[in-house]
C-alpha atoms as a PDB file:
ATOM      1  CA  MET A   1      46.244  90.800  59.670  1.00  0.00           C
ATOM      2  CA  THR A   2      43.316  88.731  58.415  1.00  0.00           C
ATOM      3  CA  ALA A   3      42.737  87.333  61.919  1.00  0.00           C
ATOM      4  CA  LEU A   4      42.664  90.886  63.265  1.00  0.00           C
ATOM      5  CA  ARG A   5      40.000  91.862  60.711  1.00  0.00           C
ATOM      6  CA  VAL A   6      37.910  88.824  61.649  1.00  0.00           C
ATOM      7  CA  LEU A   7      38.185  89.692  65.350  1.00  0.00           C
ATOM      8  CA  MET A   8      37.200  93.298  64.657  1.00  0.00           C
ATOM      9  CA  ALA A   9      34.177  92.180  62.619  1.00  0.00           C
ATOM     10  CA  LEU A  10      33.128  89.822  65.408  1.00  0.00           C
ATOM     11  CA  ALA A  11      33.552  92.553  68.011  1.00  0.00           C
ATOM     12  CA  LEU A  12      31.370  94.907  65.998  1.00  0.00           C
ATOM     13  CA  GLY A  13      28.741  92.217  65.576  1.00  0.00           C
ATOM     14  CA  ILE A  14      28.480  91.524  69.315  1.00  0.00           C
ATOM     15  CA  GLY A  15      26.448  94.668  69.981  1.00  0.00           C
ATOM     16  CA  ILE A  16      24.043  94.162  67.102  1.00  0.00           C
ATOM     17  CA  GLY A  17      20.395  93.620  67.815  1.00  0.00           C
ATOM     18  CA  ALA A  18      17.541  96.081  68.007  1.00  0.00           C
ATOM     19  CA  GLY A  19      13.904  95.377  68.508  1.00  0.00           C
ATOM     20  CA  ILE A  20      11.231  94.529  66.029  1.00  0.00           C
ATOM     21  CA  GLY A  21      13.713  92.750  63.790  1.00  0.00           C
ATOM     22  CA  ALA A  22      15.808  95.794  62.879  1.00  0.00           C
ATOM     23  CA  GLY A  23      19.567  96.240  63.190  1.00  0.00           C
ATOM     24  CA  ALA A  24      21.323  98.254  65.862  1.00  0.00           C
ATOM     25  CA  SER A  25      20.546 101.944  66.014  1.00  0.00           C
ATOM     26  CA  GLU A  26      23.242 104.562  66.317  1.00  0.00           C
ATOM     27  CA  ALA A  27      22.885 107.634  68.522  1.00  0.00           C
ATOM     28  CA  ARG A  28      22.649 109.846  65.442  1.00  0.00           C
ATOM     29  CA  ASP A  29      19.880 107.589  64.116  1.00  0.00           C
ATOM     30  CA  LEU A  30      17.592 107.563  67.155  1.00  0.00           C
ATOM     31  CA  ARG A  31      14.006 106.783  66.406  1.00  0.00           C
ATOM     32  CA  PRO A  32      10.965 107.184  68.625  1.00  0.00           C
ATOM     33  CA  LEU A  33       9.351 104.170  70.186  1.00  0.00           C
ATOM     34  CA  PRO A  34       7.084 102.777  67.477  1.00  0.00           C
ATOM     35  CA  LYS A  35       3.339 102.780  67.970  1.00  0.00           C
ATOM     36  CA  ALA A  36       2.453  99.580  69.763  1.00  0.00           C
ATOM     37  CA  THR A  37       0.485  97.105  67.677  1.00  0.00           C
ATOM     38  CA  VAL A  38      -1.294  96.022  70.835  1.00  0.00           C
ATOM     39  CA  SER A  39      -1.523  97.572  74.294  1.00  0.00           C
ATOM     40  CA  ILE A  40       0.059  95.189  76.779  1.00  0.00           C
ATOM     41  CA  PRO A  41       0.134  96.340  80.400  1.00  0.00           C
ATOM     42  CA  VAL A  42       2.949  95.245  82.689  1.00  0.00           C
ATOM     43  CA  SER A  43       1.030  93.440  85.402  1.00  0.00           C
ATOM     44  CA  ASN A  44       3.920  91.432  86.847  1.00  0.00           C
ATOM     45  CA  PRO A  45       7.364  92.446  85.535  1.00  0.00           C
ATOM     46  CA  GLN A  46       9.177  89.923  87.756  1.00  0.00           C
ATOM     47  CA  ALA A  47       7.140  87.027  86.349  1.00  0.00           C
ATOM     48  CA  THR A  48       7.630  88.344  82.806  1.00  0.00           C
ATOM     49  CA  ALA A  49      11.403  88.547  83.384  1.00  0.00           C
ATOM     50  CA  ARG A  50      11.428  84.980  84.758  1.00  0.00           C
ATOM     51  CA  ASP A  51       9.468  83.739  81.743  1.00  0.00           C
ATOM     52  CA  LEU A  52      11.805  85.541  79.333  1.00  0.00           C
ATOM     53  CA  LEU A  53      14.863  84.094  81.105  1.00  0.00           C
ATOM     54  CA  SER A  54      13.324  80.622  80.902  1.00  0.00           C
ATOM     55  CA  ALA A  55      12.674  81.038  77.161  1.00  0.00           C
ATOM     56  CA  MET A  56      16.225  82.291  76.533  1.00  0.00           C
ATOM     57  CA  ASN A  57      17.735  79.396  78.477  1.00  0.00           C
ATOM     58  CA  ALA A  58      15.539  76.898  76.616  1.00  0.00           C
ATOM     59  CA  GLU A  59      17.005  78.191  73.325  1.00  0.00           C
ATOM     60  CA  ARG A  60      20.525  77.907  74.747  1.00  0.00           C
ATOM     61  CA  ARG A  61      19.881  74.378  76.043  1.00  0.00           C
ATOM     62  CA  ALA A  62      18.598  73.357  72.607  1.00  0.00           C
ATOM     63  CA  GLN A  63      21.982  74.433  71.215  1.00  0.00           C
ATOM     64  CA  GLY A  64      23.955  72.589  73.910  1.00  0.00           C
ATOM     65  CA  LEU A  65      24.916  75.796  75.739  1.00  0.00           C
ATOM     66  CA  ARG A  66      24.941  76.513  79.452  1.00  0.00           C
ATOM     67  CA  LYS A  67      22.100  78.529  80.884  1.00  0.00           C
ATOM     68  CA  LEU A  68      22.520  82.227  81.544  1.00  0.00           C
ATOM     69  CA  ARG A  69      22.577  83.411  85.156  1.00  0.00           C
ATOM     70  CA  LEU A  70      20.278  86.300  86.026  1.00  0.00           C
ATOM     71  CA  ASN A  71      22.485  89.104  87.361  1.00  0.00           C
ATOM     72  CA  SER A  72      21.047  91.907  89.493  1.00  0.00           C
ATOM     73  CA  ALA A  73      23.521  94.572  88.293  1.00  0.00           C
ATOM     74  CA  LEU A  74      22.797  93.742  84.646  1.00  0.00           C
ATOM     75  CA  SER A  75      19.060  93.758  85.394  1.00  0.00           C
ATOM     76  CA  LYS A  76      19.480  97.195  86.963  1.00  0.00           C
ATOM     77  CA  ALA A  77      21.235  98.388  83.782  1.00  0.00           C
ATOM     78  CA  ALA A  78      18.581  96.808  81.542  1.00  0.00           C
ATOM     79  CA  GLN A  79      15.691  98.297  83.509  1.00  0.00           C
ATOM     80  CA  ALA A  80      17.355 101.725  83.577  1.00  0.00           C
ATOM     81  CA  HIS A  81      17.624 101.560  79.775  1.00  0.00           C
ATOM     82  CA  VAL A  82      13.933 100.597  79.472  1.00  0.00           C
ATOM     83  CA  ASP A  83      12.972 103.500  81.727  1.00  0.00           C
ATOM     84  CA  ASP A  84      15.201 105.922  79.799  1.00  0.00           C
ATOM     85  CA  MET A  85      13.778 104.862  76.422  1.00  0.00           C
ATOM     86  CA  ILE A  86      10.246 105.379  77.725  1.00  0.00           C
ATOM     87  CA  ARG A  87      11.039 108.705  79.400  1.00  0.00           C
ATOM     88  CA  ARG A  88      12.856 110.126  76.359  1.00  0.00           C
ATOM     89  CA  ASN A  89      10.781 108.309  73.718  1.00  0.00           C
ATOM     90  CA  TYR A  90      13.503 106.547  71.734  1.00  0.00           C
ATOM     91  CA  PHE A  91      14.320 102.976  70.769  1.00  0.00           C
ATOM     92  CA  ALA A  92      18.030 102.281  70.338  1.00  0.00           C
ATOM     93  CA  HIS A  93      21.053 100.577  71.854  1.00  0.00           C
ATOM     94  CA  ILE A  94      22.926 103.848  72.051  1.00  0.00           C
ATOM     95  CA  ALA A  95      21.183 106.382  74.278  1.00  0.00           C
ATOM     96  CA  PRO A  96      20.897 110.063  73.323  1.00  0.00           C
ATOM     97  CA  ASN A  97      23.766 110.786  75.741  1.00  0.00           C
ATOM     98  CA  GLY A  98      25.977 108.307  73.847  1.00  0.00           C
ATOM     99  CA  SER A  99      25.945 105.550  76.469  1.00  0.00           C
ATOM    100  CA  ARG A 100      26.211 102.014  75.159  1.00  0.00           C
ATOM    101  CA  PRO A 101      25.313  98.695  76.805  1.00  0.00           C
ATOM    102  CA  ILE A 102      28.814  98.225  78.253  1.00  0.00           C
ATOM    103  CA  HIS A 103      28.745 101.736  79.768  1.00  0.00           C
ATOM    104  CA  ARG A 104      25.372 101.078  81.390  1.00  0.00           C
ATOM    105  CA  ALA A 105      26.482  97.658  82.707  1.00  0.00           C
ATOM    106  CA  ASN A 106      29.653  99.124  84.210  1.00  0.00           C
ATOM    107  CA  ALA A 107      27.719 102.052  85.739  1.00  0.00           C
ATOM    108  CA  ALA A 108      25.360  99.542  87.389  1.00  0.00           C
ATOM    109  CA  GLY A 109      28.345  97.785  88.987  1.00  0.00           C
ATOM    110  CA  TYR A 110      28.952  94.920  86.539  1.00  0.00           C
ATOM    111  CA  LYS A 111      32.515  94.630  85.285  1.00  0.00           C
ATOM    112  CA  GLY A 112      32.050  92.973  81.934  1.00  0.00           C
ATOM    113  CA  CYS A 113      34.711  92.157  79.370  1.00  0.00           C
ATOM    114  CA  MET A 114      32.016  91.470  76.782  1.00  0.00           C
ATOM    115  CA  VAL A 115      28.531  92.996  76.799  1.00  0.00           C
ATOM    116  CA  ALA A 116      25.747  92.779  74.206  1.00  0.00           C
ATOM    117  CA  GLU A 117      22.109  93.806  74.192  1.00  0.00           C
ATOM    118  CA  ASN A 118      18.868  92.692  72.575  1.00  0.00           C
ATOM    119  CA  LEU A 119      15.825  94.949  72.405  1.00  0.00           C
ATOM    120  CA  SER A 120      12.281  93.942  71.594  1.00  0.00           C
ATOM    121  CA  TYR A 121       9.043  95.906  71.540  1.00  0.00           C
ATOM    122  CA  SER A 122       5.353  95.242  71.038  1.00  0.00           C
ATOM    123  CA  TRP A 123       5.413  91.490  70.409  1.00  0.00           C
ATOM    124  CA  LYS A 124       2.180  90.012  71.820  1.00  0.00           C
ATOM    125  CA  THR A 125       3.953  87.181  73.648  1.00  0.00           C
ATOM    126  CA  ILE A 126       7.383  86.202  74.876  1.00  0.00           C
ATOM    127  CA  ASP A 127       7.342  83.312  72.388  1.00  0.00           C
ATOM    128  CA  LEU A 128       6.850  85.748  69.492  1.00  0.00           C
ATOM    129  CA  ALA A 129       9.606  88.030  70.810  1.00  0.00           C
ATOM    130  CA  MET A 130      11.942  85.031  71.085  1.00  0.00           C
ATOM    131  CA  ALA A 131      11.039  83.894  67.561  1.00  0.00           C
ATOM    132  CA  GLY A 132      11.872  87.398  66.322  1.00  0.00           C
ATOM    133  CA  TRP A 133      15.231  87.332  68.094  1.00  0.00           C
ATOM    134  CA  MET A 134      16.047  83.868  66.753  1.00  0.00           C
ATOM    135  CA  GLN A 135      15.260  84.959  63.180  1.00  0.00           C
ATOM    136  CA  SER A 136      17.608  87.949  63.447  1.00  0.00           C
ATOM    137  CA  SER A 137      21.274  87.051  63.029  1.00  0.00           C
ATOM    138  CA  GLY A 138      22.452  89.739  65.468  1.00  0.00           C
ATOM    139  CA  HIS A 139      19.936  88.871  68.176  1.00  0.00           C
ATOM    140  CA  ARG A 140      20.586  85.167  67.724  1.00  0.00           C
ATOM    141  CA  ALA A 141      24.356  85.664  67.950  1.00  0.00           C
ATOM    142  CA  ASN A 142      23.985  87.607  71.205  1.00  0.00           C
ATOM    143  CA  LEU A 143      21.636  85.071  72.777  1.00  0.00           C
ATOM    144  CA  LEU A 144      23.631  82.006  71.716  1.00  0.00           C
ATOM    145  CA  ASN A 145      27.119  83.406  72.331  1.00  0.00           C
ATOM    146  CA  ARG A 146      28.817  80.719  74.409  1.00  0.00           C
ATOM    147  CA  GLU A 147      31.084  83.344  76.019  1.00  0.00           C
ATOM    148  CA  MET A 148      28.115  85.057  77.678  1.00  0.00           C
ATOM    149  CA  LYS A 149      27.527  83.851  81.225  1.00  0.00           C
ATOM    150  CA  ASP A 150      25.184  86.432  82.752  1.00  0.00           C
ATOM    151  CA  VAL A 151      22.051  88.275  81.699  1.00  0.00           C
ATOM    152  CA  GLY A 152      19.998  91.168  82.985  1.00  0.00           C
ATOM    153  CA  ILE A 153      16.418  91.783  81.957  1.00  0.00           C
ATOM    154  CA  GLY A 154      14.398  94.984  81.872  1.00  0.00           C
ATOM    155  CA  ILE A 155      10.646  95.037  81.214  1.00  0.00           C
ATOM    156  CA  GLY A 156       8.439  97.923  80.094  1.00  0.00           C
ATOM    157  CA  PRO A 157       4.914  98.492  78.807  1.00  0.00           C
ATOM    158  CA  ASN A 158       3.863  96.916  75.507  1.00  0.00           C
ATOM    159  CA  ASN A 159       6.409  94.170  76.028  1.00  0.00           C
ATOM    160  CA  LEU A 160       9.427  96.433  75.765  1.00  0.00           C
ATOM    161  CA  PHE A 161      12.197  93.979  76.646  1.00  0.00           C
ATOM    162  CA  VAL A 162      15.885  94.718  77.147  1.00  0.00           C
ATOM    163  CA  ALA A 163      18.203  91.748  77.628  1.00  0.00           C
ATOM    164  CA  VAL A 164      21.818  92.578  78.488  1.00  0.00           C
ATOM    165  CA  PHE A 165      24.189  89.641  77.993  1.00  0.00           C
ATOM    166  CA  ALA A 166      27.662  89.698  79.505  1.00  0.00           C
ATOM    167  CA  LYS A 167      30.855  87.868  80.212  1.00  0.00           C
ATOM    168  CA  PRO A 168      32.494  88.958  83.468  1.00  0.00           C
ATOM    169  CA  CYS A 169      36.129  90.042  83.527  1.00  0.00           C
ATOM    170  CA  ARG A 170      38.347  87.601  85.374  1.00  0.00           C
END
């Protein structure tokens, strides 16, 4: 029974990680996108996504972990979540319609057995966003989870980043 409780606690912790250093938000606790501390236009989202992937894989390499593979279906899910948060003015892992990261990944065509998500908003640089994630136990656990093989990245204005980490079903 103790092992079951540990597994349940780990499963609940997988989805933790909201932006700006906060914990995961529940659908009933939606909050609007915070006022940006700096206005950062999205001039080249593909380059920003590549740079974010490179920074995430550098952190994983430093911990002796394999690099994450960029997955187009997960990136589609991540970008759709960015677009939805902007359109409906909220900042949370659980959308107003109740969808969670695993629902969005599956809807985008990714069949994941484990899915987690990190959000970040309004950090001036990717390095600062990464430092914020690494200082948050939930974000860090998602990023450094050795079970995660794939990642999708969504990019929005004011450095709104969504990273969806996943382990495919086999």
